């Protein structure tokens, strides 16, 4: 291993709290400015799957739940 690999600092986007912040802020902005909210929520899912935040079962449940909520709201406006 090189010195660069052993001294790896965790980037901000690799941290769990950053992914959750994107989901919360994206959800809040979804009601105010739809375009920005729609961009932030998929980034949340990318980050939790790419950096394996939490366990696999939790990631599957969260993904299915929010997928259902987003498309339910998008199609019928109320669920």
Protein backbone atom coordinates (compact mmCIF):
# COMPACT_ATOMS: atom_id res chain seq x y z
CA UNK A 1 0.00 0.00 0.00
CA UNK A 2 1.14 3.50 -0.71
CA UNK A 3 1.12 6.36 1.78
CA UNK A 4 -1.74 7.92 -0.14
CA UNK A 5 -3.97 4.86 0.34
CA UNK A 6 -3.25 4.55 4.08
CA UNK A 7 -3.87 8.24 4.79
CA UNK A 8 -7.31 8.29 3.17
CA UNK A 9 -9.45 11.04 4.64
CA UNK A 10 -13.19 10.57 4.42
CA UNK A 11 -14.69 13.06 2.02
CA UNK A 12 -17.80 14.95 3.07
CA UNK A 13 -19.98 13.16 0.50
CA UNK A 14 -18.87 9.78 1.89
CA UNK A 15 -20.37 10.50 5.32
CA UNK A 16 -23.81 9.25 6.40
CA UNK A 17 -25.00 12.59 7.74
CA UNK A 18 -24.36 14.28 4.39
CA UNK A 19 -26.53 11.76 2.53
CA UNK A 20 -29.37 12.19 5.06
CA UNK A 21 -29.04 15.96 4.87
CA UNK A 22 -29.52 15.75 1.10
CA UNK A 23 -32.71 13.75 1.59
CA UNK A 24 -34.12 16.16 4.19
CA UNK A 25 -33.16 19.34 2.35
CA UNK A 26 -34.21 17.83 -1.00
CA UNK A 27 -37.59 16.88 0.43
CA UNK A 28 -38.09 20.36 1.85
CA UNK A 29 -37.08 22.00 -1.41
CA UNK A 30 -39.34 19.66 -3.34
CA UNK A 31 -42.31 21.60 -2.02
CA UNK A 32 -40.73 24.99 -2.70
CA UNK A 33 -38.54 24.57 -5.78
CA UNK A 34 -39.34 21.27 -7.44
CA UNK A 35 -36.29 21.16 -9.73
CA UNK A 36 -33.69 21.30 -6.96
CA UNK A 37 -35.54 18.80 -4.77
CA UNK A 38 -35.78 16.30 -7.61
CA UNK A 39 -32.02 16.50 -8.11
CA UNK A 40 -31.04 16.05 -4.46
CA UNK A 41 -33.14 13.00 -3.64
CA UNK A 42 -31.53 10.70 -6.27
CA UNK A 43 -28.10 11.79 -5.04
CA UNK A 44 -29.10 10.54 -1.57
CA UNK A 45 -29.86 7.09 -2.98
CA UNK A 46 -26.63 7.02 -4.96
CA UNK A 47 -24.60 7.88 -1.86
CA UNK A 48 -26.21 5.33 0.48
CA UNK A 49 -25.72 2.56 -2.10
CA UNK A 50 -22.27 3.63 -3.33
CA UNK A 51 -20.72 4.02 0.14
CA UNK A 52 -22.82 1.24 1.74
CA UNK A 53 -24.30 3.39 4.48
CA UNK A 54 -26.30 1.19 6.85
CA UNK A 55 -27.14 -2.44 6.11
CA UNK A 56 -28.45 -3.84 2.86
CA UNK A 57 -31.95 -4.56 4.20
CA UNK A 58 -32.26 -0.99 5.51
CA UNK A 59 -31.15 0.44 2.15
CA UNK A 60 -33.70 -1.69 0.29
CA UNK A 61 -36.55 -0.70 2.63
CA UNK A 62 -35.66 3.02 2.47
CA UNK A 63 -35.35 2.90 -1.33
CA UNK A 64 -38.70 1.17 -1.80
CA UNK A 65 -40.44 3.47 0.69
CA UNK A 66 -39.20 6.70 -0.89
CA UNK A 67 -39.68 5.39 -4.43
CA UNK A 68 -43.30 4.68 -3.56
CA UNK A 69 -43.77 8.08 -1.89
CA UNK A 70 -42.22 10.10 -4.71
CA UNK A 71 -44.07 8.37 -7.52
CA UNK A 72 -47.32 8.22 -5.57
CA UNK A 73 -47.20 11.96 -4.95
CA UNK A 74 -46.13 12.61 -8.52
CA UNK A 75 -48.97 10.57 -10.05
CA UNK A 76 -51.93 11.24 -7.79
CA UNK A 77 -50.82 14.17 -5.64
CA UNK A 78 -52.17 12.38 -2.53
CA UNK A 79 -51.71 8.86 -1.19
